[in-house]
N, C-alpha and C. Protein backbone atom coordinates (compact mmCIF):
# COMPACT_ATOMS: atom_id res chain seq x y z
N MET A 1 -16.47 -63.26 -79.62
CA MET A 1 -17.69 -63.12 -80.70
C MET A 1 -16.63 -62.96 -81.96
N ALA A 2 -16.93 -63.58 -83.12
CA ALA A 2 -16.09 -63.65 -84.29
C ALA A 2 -16.04 -62.36 -85.12
N SER A 3 -15.07 -62.04 -85.48
CA SER A 3 -15.30 -60.78 -86.28
C SER A 3 -14.23 -60.82 -87.44
N ILE A 4 -14.60 -59.76 -88.53
CA ILE A 4 -13.67 -59.69 -89.58
C ILE A 4 -13.02 -58.19 -90.20
N SER A 5 -11.48 -57.79 -89.89
CA SER A 5 -11.38 -56.14 -89.99
C SER A 5 -10.77 -56.00 -91.64
N LEU A 6 -11.61 -55.03 -92.17
CA LEU A 6 -11.14 -54.65 -93.91
C LEU A 6 -10.52 -53.26 -93.56
N ALA A 7 -9.54 -53.29 -94.56
CA ALA A 7 -9.34 -51.91 -95.16
C ALA A 7 -10.93 -51.11 -95.95
N ILE A 8 -11.13 -49.88 -95.73
CA ILE A 8 -12.34 -49.75 -96.43
C ILE A 8 -12.07 -49.04 -97.75
N SER A 9 -10.56 -49.36 -98.07
CA SER A 9 -10.58 -48.97 -99.85
C SER A 9 -10.94 -50.30 -100.27
N GLU A 10 -11.17 -51.42 -99.46
CA GLU A 10 -11.52 -52.79 -100.23
C GLU A 10 -12.88 -52.66 -100.87
N LEU A 11 -13.84 -51.94 -100.10
CA LEU A 11 -15.02 -52.39 -100.50
C LEU A 11 -15.05 -51.32 -101.51
N THR A 12 -16.06 -51.27 -102.61
CA THR A 12 -16.36 -50.79 -103.88
C THR A 12 -17.33 -49.72 -103.34
N PRO A 13 -17.90 -48.63 -103.33
CA PRO A 13 -19.04 -47.48 -102.90
C PRO A 13 -20.07 -48.00 -103.70
N GLY A 14 -21.31 -48.58 -103.66
CA GLY A 14 -22.46 -48.90 -104.07
C GLY A 14 -22.58 -50.06 -104.88
N LYS A 15 -21.47 -51.06 -104.06
CA LYS A 15 -21.15 -52.33 -104.69
C LYS A 15 -21.43 -53.63 -103.65
N PRO A 16 -22.42 -54.16 -103.32
CA PRO A 16 -22.38 -55.20 -102.56
C PRO A 16 -21.26 -56.80 -102.52
N HIS A 17 -20.16 -56.76 -101.02
CA HIS A 17 -19.80 -57.68 -101.17
C HIS A 17 -19.73 -58.50 -100.40
N LYS A 18 -19.62 -59.82 -100.71
CA LYS A 18 -20.12 -61.38 -99.74
C LYS A 18 -18.70 -61.36 -99.14
N ILE A 19 -18.54 -61.53 -97.96
CA ILE A 19 -17.56 -62.17 -96.80
C ILE A 19 -17.92 -63.15 -95.98
N GLU A 20 -17.38 -64.20 -95.39
CA GLU A 20 -17.66 -64.81 -94.46
C GLU A 20 -17.00 -64.84 -93.06
N ILE A 21 -18.08 -64.81 -92.29
CA ILE A 21 -16.98 -64.44 -90.44
C ILE A 21 -17.80 -66.07 -89.94
N ALA A 22 -16.84 -66.43 -89.58
CA ALA A 22 -17.26 -67.73 -88.86
C ALA A 22 -17.94 -68.73 -89.71
N GLY A 23 -17.81 -68.99 -90.98
CA GLY A 23 -18.44 -69.82 -91.59
C GLY A 23 -20.41 -69.60 -91.67
N LYS A 24 -20.68 -67.89 -91.38
CA LYS A 24 -21.56 -67.08 -91.84
C LYS A 24 -21.43 -66.11 -93.11
N ASP A 25 -22.35 -66.69 -93.80
CA ASP A 25 -22.33 -65.13 -94.96
C ASP A 25 -22.74 -64.01 -94.73
N VAL A 26 -21.63 -63.13 -94.96
CA VAL A 26 -22.50 -61.77 -94.66
C VAL A 26 -22.17 -60.86 -95.85
N CYS A 27 -23.38 -59.72 -96.12
CA CYS A 27 -23.06 -59.00 -96.89
C CYS A 27 -22.92 -57.66 -96.86
N VAL A 28 -21.90 -56.89 -97.18
CA VAL A 28 -21.09 -56.19 -97.02
C VAL A 28 -21.30 -54.82 -97.92
N ALA A 29 -22.02 -53.69 -97.42
CA ALA A 29 -22.26 -52.86 -98.05
C ALA A 29 -21.33 -51.07 -97.87
N ARG A 30 -20.88 -50.31 -98.98
CA ARG A 30 -20.50 -49.42 -98.12
C ARG A 30 -20.95 -48.02 -99.30
N ILE A 31 -21.56 -47.44 -98.49
CA ILE A 31 -22.41 -46.12 -99.30
C ILE A 31 -21.57 -44.76 -98.53
N GLY A 32 -20.76 -44.01 -99.48
CA GLY A 32 -20.29 -42.84 -98.83
C GLY A 32 -18.87 -43.62 -98.20
N ASP A 33 -18.78 -43.11 -96.90
CA ASP A 33 -17.93 -43.23 -96.12
C ASP A 33 -18.60 -44.23 -95.13
N GLU A 34 -20.20 -44.55 -95.13
CA GLU A 34 -20.75 -45.50 -94.17
C GLU A 34 -20.54 -46.79 -94.51
N VAL A 35 -20.64 -48.07 -93.90
CA VAL A 35 -20.45 -49.46 -94.07
C VAL A 35 -21.38 -50.16 -93.51
N PHE A 36 -22.09 -51.28 -94.07
CA PHE A 36 -23.64 -51.80 -93.28
C PHE A 36 -22.95 -53.45 -93.62
N ALA A 37 -23.92 -54.23 -93.21
CA ALA A 37 -23.42 -55.30 -93.16
C ALA A 37 -24.87 -56.19 -92.27
N ILE A 38 -25.15 -56.89 -93.54
CA ILE A 38 -26.44 -57.48 -92.92
C ILE A 38 -26.35 -59.08 -94.02
N GLY A 39 -27.18 -59.75 -92.80
CA GLY A 39 -27.12 -61.64 -93.54
C GLY A 39 -27.07 -61.69 -94.94
N ASP A 40 -26.66 -62.62 -95.92
CA ASP A 40 -26.17 -62.21 -97.26
C ASP A 40 -27.24 -63.00 -97.93
N VAL A 41 -28.48 -63.35 -97.16
CA VAL A 41 -29.69 -64.55 -97.14
C VAL A 41 -30.81 -63.87 -97.32
N CYS A 42 -31.61 -63.81 -98.75
CA CYS A 42 -32.77 -63.01 -98.44
C CYS A 42 -33.68 -64.01 -97.63
N THR A 43 -34.27 -63.09 -96.98
CA THR A 43 -35.08 -64.00 -95.96
C THR A 43 -36.77 -65.14 -96.69
N HIS A 44 -36.63 -64.24 -97.90
CA HIS A 44 -37.99 -64.91 -99.23
C HIS A 44 -37.32 -66.09 -99.54
N SER A 45 -36.16 -66.39 -100.23
CA SER A 45 -35.93 -67.16 -101.09
C SER A 45 -34.27 -67.56 -100.93
N GLU A 46 -34.11 -66.90 -100.18
CA GLU A 46 -32.47 -67.46 -99.71
C GLU A 46 -31.56 -67.42 -100.42
N ALA A 47 -31.73 -66.90 -101.53
CA ALA A 47 -30.46 -65.98 -102.61
C ALA A 47 -29.59 -65.19 -101.89
N SER A 48 -28.48 -64.82 -102.47
CA SER A 48 -27.55 -64.06 -102.28
C SER A 48 -27.80 -62.90 -102.29
N LEU A 49 -27.94 -61.97 -101.23
CA LEU A 49 -28.02 -61.06 -101.19
C LEU A 49 -26.89 -59.83 -102.02
N SER A 50 -25.68 -60.62 -101.88
CA SER A 50 -24.62 -59.56 -102.04
C SER A 50 -24.59 -59.52 -104.19
N GLU A 51 -25.48 -60.41 -104.57
CA GLU A 51 -25.55 -60.73 -106.07
C GLU A 51 -26.33 -59.15 -106.70
N GLY A 52 -27.24 -58.84 -105.53
CA GLY A 52 -28.26 -57.63 -106.03
C GLY A 52 -27.68 -56.23 -105.87
N ASP A 53 -28.65 -55.65 -106.49
CA ASP A 53 -28.07 -54.10 -106.28
C ASP A 53 -28.59 -53.22 -105.34
N ILE A 54 -27.30 -52.07 -105.04
CA ILE A 54 -27.46 -51.53 -103.88
C ILE A 54 -28.48 -49.91 -105.07
N SER A 55 -29.64 -49.05 -104.20
CA SER A 55 -29.95 -48.01 -104.50
C SER A 55 -30.35 -47.39 -102.75
N ASP A 56 -29.49 -46.29 -103.13
CA ASP A 56 -29.78 -45.65 -101.42
C ASP A 56 -29.57 -46.53 -100.65
N TYR A 57 -30.08 -46.55 -99.68
CA TYR A 57 -29.83 -47.50 -98.29
C TYR A 57 -30.19 -48.89 -98.66
N LYS A 58 -30.65 -49.19 -99.63
CA LYS A 58 -31.64 -50.09 -100.12
C LYS A 58 -30.80 -50.88 -100.97
N ILE A 59 -30.61 -52.40 -100.61
CA ILE A 59 -30.53 -53.31 -101.43
C ILE A 59 -31.36 -54.63 -101.99
N GLU A 60 -31.11 -54.85 -103.21
CA GLU A 60 -32.31 -55.80 -103.58
C GLU A 60 -31.99 -56.83 -104.41
N CYS A 61 -32.92 -57.77 -103.74
CA CYS A 61 -32.33 -59.20 -103.98
C CYS A 61 -33.00 -59.50 -105.64
N TRP A 62 -31.65 -60.00 -105.93
CA TRP A 62 -31.85 -60.35 -107.32
C TRP A 62 -32.59 -61.65 -107.92
N LEU A 63 -33.16 -62.33 -107.36
CA LEU A 63 -34.13 -63.51 -107.91
C LEU A 63 -35.57 -63.08 -107.74
N HIS A 64 -36.09 -62.33 -106.67
CA HIS A 64 -37.26 -61.87 -106.58
C HIS A 64 -37.88 -60.69 -106.37
N GLY A 65 -36.69 -59.79 -106.53
CA GLY A 65 -36.86 -58.13 -105.94
C GLY A 65 -37.14 -58.01 -104.63
N ALA A 66 -37.19 -58.33 -103.76
CA ALA A 66 -37.47 -58.57 -102.59
C ALA A 66 -36.33 -57.20 -102.11
N GLU A 67 -36.78 -55.95 -101.50
CA GLU A 67 -35.84 -54.96 -101.01
C GLU A 67 -35.71 -55.04 -99.40
N PHE A 68 -34.39 -54.66 -99.16
CA PHE A 68 -33.86 -54.57 -97.26
C PHE A 68 -33.08 -53.24 -97.17
N ASP A 69 -33.41 -52.78 -96.12
CA ASP A 69 -33.13 -51.43 -95.80
C ASP A 69 -31.70 -51.66 -95.12
N LEU A 70 -30.55 -51.33 -95.67
CA LEU A 70 -29.13 -51.71 -94.95
C LEU A 70 -28.78 -51.68 -93.54
N ARG A 71 -29.24 -50.07 -93.41
CA ARG A 71 -29.22 -49.89 -92.09
C ARG A 71 -29.63 -50.72 -90.90
N ASP A 72 -31.03 -51.12 -90.97
CA ASP A 72 -31.55 -51.98 -89.84
C ASP A 72 -32.01 -53.59 -89.90
N GLY A 73 -31.70 -53.79 -91.74
CA GLY A 73 -32.12 -55.11 -91.94
C GLY A 73 -33.51 -55.13 -92.29
N LYS A 74 -34.45 -54.17 -92.41
CA LYS A 74 -35.76 -54.83 -92.98
C LYS A 74 -36.33 -54.71 -93.92
N SER A 75 -36.99 -55.55 -93.98
CA SER A 75 -37.75 -55.67 -95.25
C SER A 75 -38.83 -55.04 -95.99
N LEU A 76 -38.54 -54.43 -96.79
CA LEU A 76 -39.47 -53.34 -97.29
C LEU A 76 -40.10 -53.74 -98.29
N THR A 77 -40.46 -54.63 -99.16
CA THR A 77 -40.48 -54.96 -100.43
C THR A 77 -40.91 -56.27 -100.32
N PRO A 78 -42.55 -56.84 -100.35
CA PRO A 78 -42.28 -58.29 -100.43
C PRO A 78 -41.73 -59.13 -101.83
N PRO A 79 -41.71 -60.14 -102.17
CA PRO A 79 -42.06 -61.29 -101.68
C PRO A 79 -41.40 -61.28 -100.08
N ALA A 80 -40.65 -60.63 -99.77
CA ALA A 80 -39.69 -60.81 -98.22
C ALA A 80 -40.67 -60.64 -97.39
N THR A 81 -40.91 -60.98 -95.89
CA THR A 81 -41.90 -60.58 -95.02
C THR A 81 -40.86 -60.81 -93.94
N GLU A 82 -40.04 -61.28 -93.68
CA GLU A 82 -38.88 -61.20 -92.59
C GLU A 82 -37.78 -60.42 -92.58
N ASP A 83 -37.21 -59.73 -91.76
CA ASP A 83 -35.83 -58.82 -91.66
C ASP A 83 -34.92 -59.97 -91.97
N ALA A 84 -33.24 -59.15 -92.72
CA ALA A 84 -32.41 -59.49 -92.23
C ALA A 84 -31.35 -59.45 -91.21
N GLU A 85 -31.12 -59.99 -90.95
CA GLU A 85 -30.16 -59.96 -89.40
C GLU A 85 -28.84 -58.94 -89.67
N VAL A 86 -28.83 -58.07 -88.85
CA VAL A 86 -27.79 -57.03 -89.16
C VAL A 86 -26.77 -57.68 -88.42
N PHE A 87 -25.50 -56.77 -88.85
CA PHE A 87 -24.16 -57.17 -88.05
C PHE A 87 -23.36 -55.56 -87.49
N VAL A 88 -22.77 -55.40 -86.46
CA VAL A 88 -22.08 -54.41 -86.18
C VAL A 88 -21.01 -54.34 -87.01
N VAL A 89 -20.93 -52.55 -86.98
CA VAL A 89 -19.67 -52.53 -87.80
C VAL A 89 -19.25 -51.32 -87.03
N THR A 90 -17.88 -51.47 -86.81
CA THR A 90 -17.03 -50.21 -86.04
C THR A 90 -15.97 -49.55 -87.31
N ARG A 91 -15.77 -48.64 -87.22
CA ARG A 91 -14.77 -47.92 -88.08
C ARG A 91 -13.80 -47.09 -87.02
N ASP A 92 -12.32 -47.90 -87.14
CA ASP A 92 -11.34 -47.10 -86.95
C ASP A 92 -10.37 -46.55 -87.85
N GLY A 93 -10.48 -45.03 -88.13
CA GLY A 93 -9.79 -44.57 -89.41
C GLY A 93 -9.97 -45.24 -90.54
N ASP A 94 -9.01 -45.67 -91.43
CA ASP A 94 -9.51 -46.44 -92.63
C ASP A 94 -9.95 -47.58 -92.23
N THR A 95 -9.98 -48.84 -91.26
CA THR A 95 -10.10 -49.85 -91.25
C THR A 95 -11.60 -50.01 -90.31
N VAL A 96 -12.27 -51.21 -91.16
CA VAL A 96 -13.77 -51.40 -90.79
C VAL A 96 -13.78 -53.19 -90.10
N THR A 97 -14.78 -52.73 -88.60
CA THR A 97 -14.60 -54.21 -88.40
C THR A 97 -15.83 -54.40 -88.00
N ILE A 98 -16.19 -56.30 -88.99
CA ILE A 98 -17.54 -56.39 -88.81
C ILE A 98 -17.36 -57.71 -87.99
N SER A 99 -18.75 -57.57 -87.01
CA SER A 99 -18.40 -58.63 -85.57
C SER A 99 -19.70 -59.31 -85.70
N LEU A 100 -19.79 -60.22 -85.89
CA LEU A 100 -21.06 -61.30 -85.47
C LEU A 100 -21.57 -60.68 -84.46
N ASN A 101 -23.15 -61.14 -84.36
CA ASN A 101 -23.59 -61.12 -82.80
C ASN A 101 -23.29 -62.02 -81.64
N SER A 102 -23.28 -61.99 -80.90
CA SER A 102 -23.05 -62.84 -79.94
C SER A 102 -24.57 -63.37 -79.12
């Protein structure tokens, strides 16, 4: 299973970050001390979610305003109807590891 580890200090709270794991773009978001990782592609328009805005536990696609729950990838508002892919995030002290699903 491919993964990447980051220091939590590399992630600005409330700001999405785009990382690549084994050729796959992943949107990583830190909210407080929690870190979430979902596919970086809006399921409606294929726009990069890491260019969107975060509010509470939601990320809004910058292109058409579709929102996704960062905790489970659920599509919350149209025009997106499909959920975003979710990735495993583990934390060990000040390090977070994001793993692609096997």
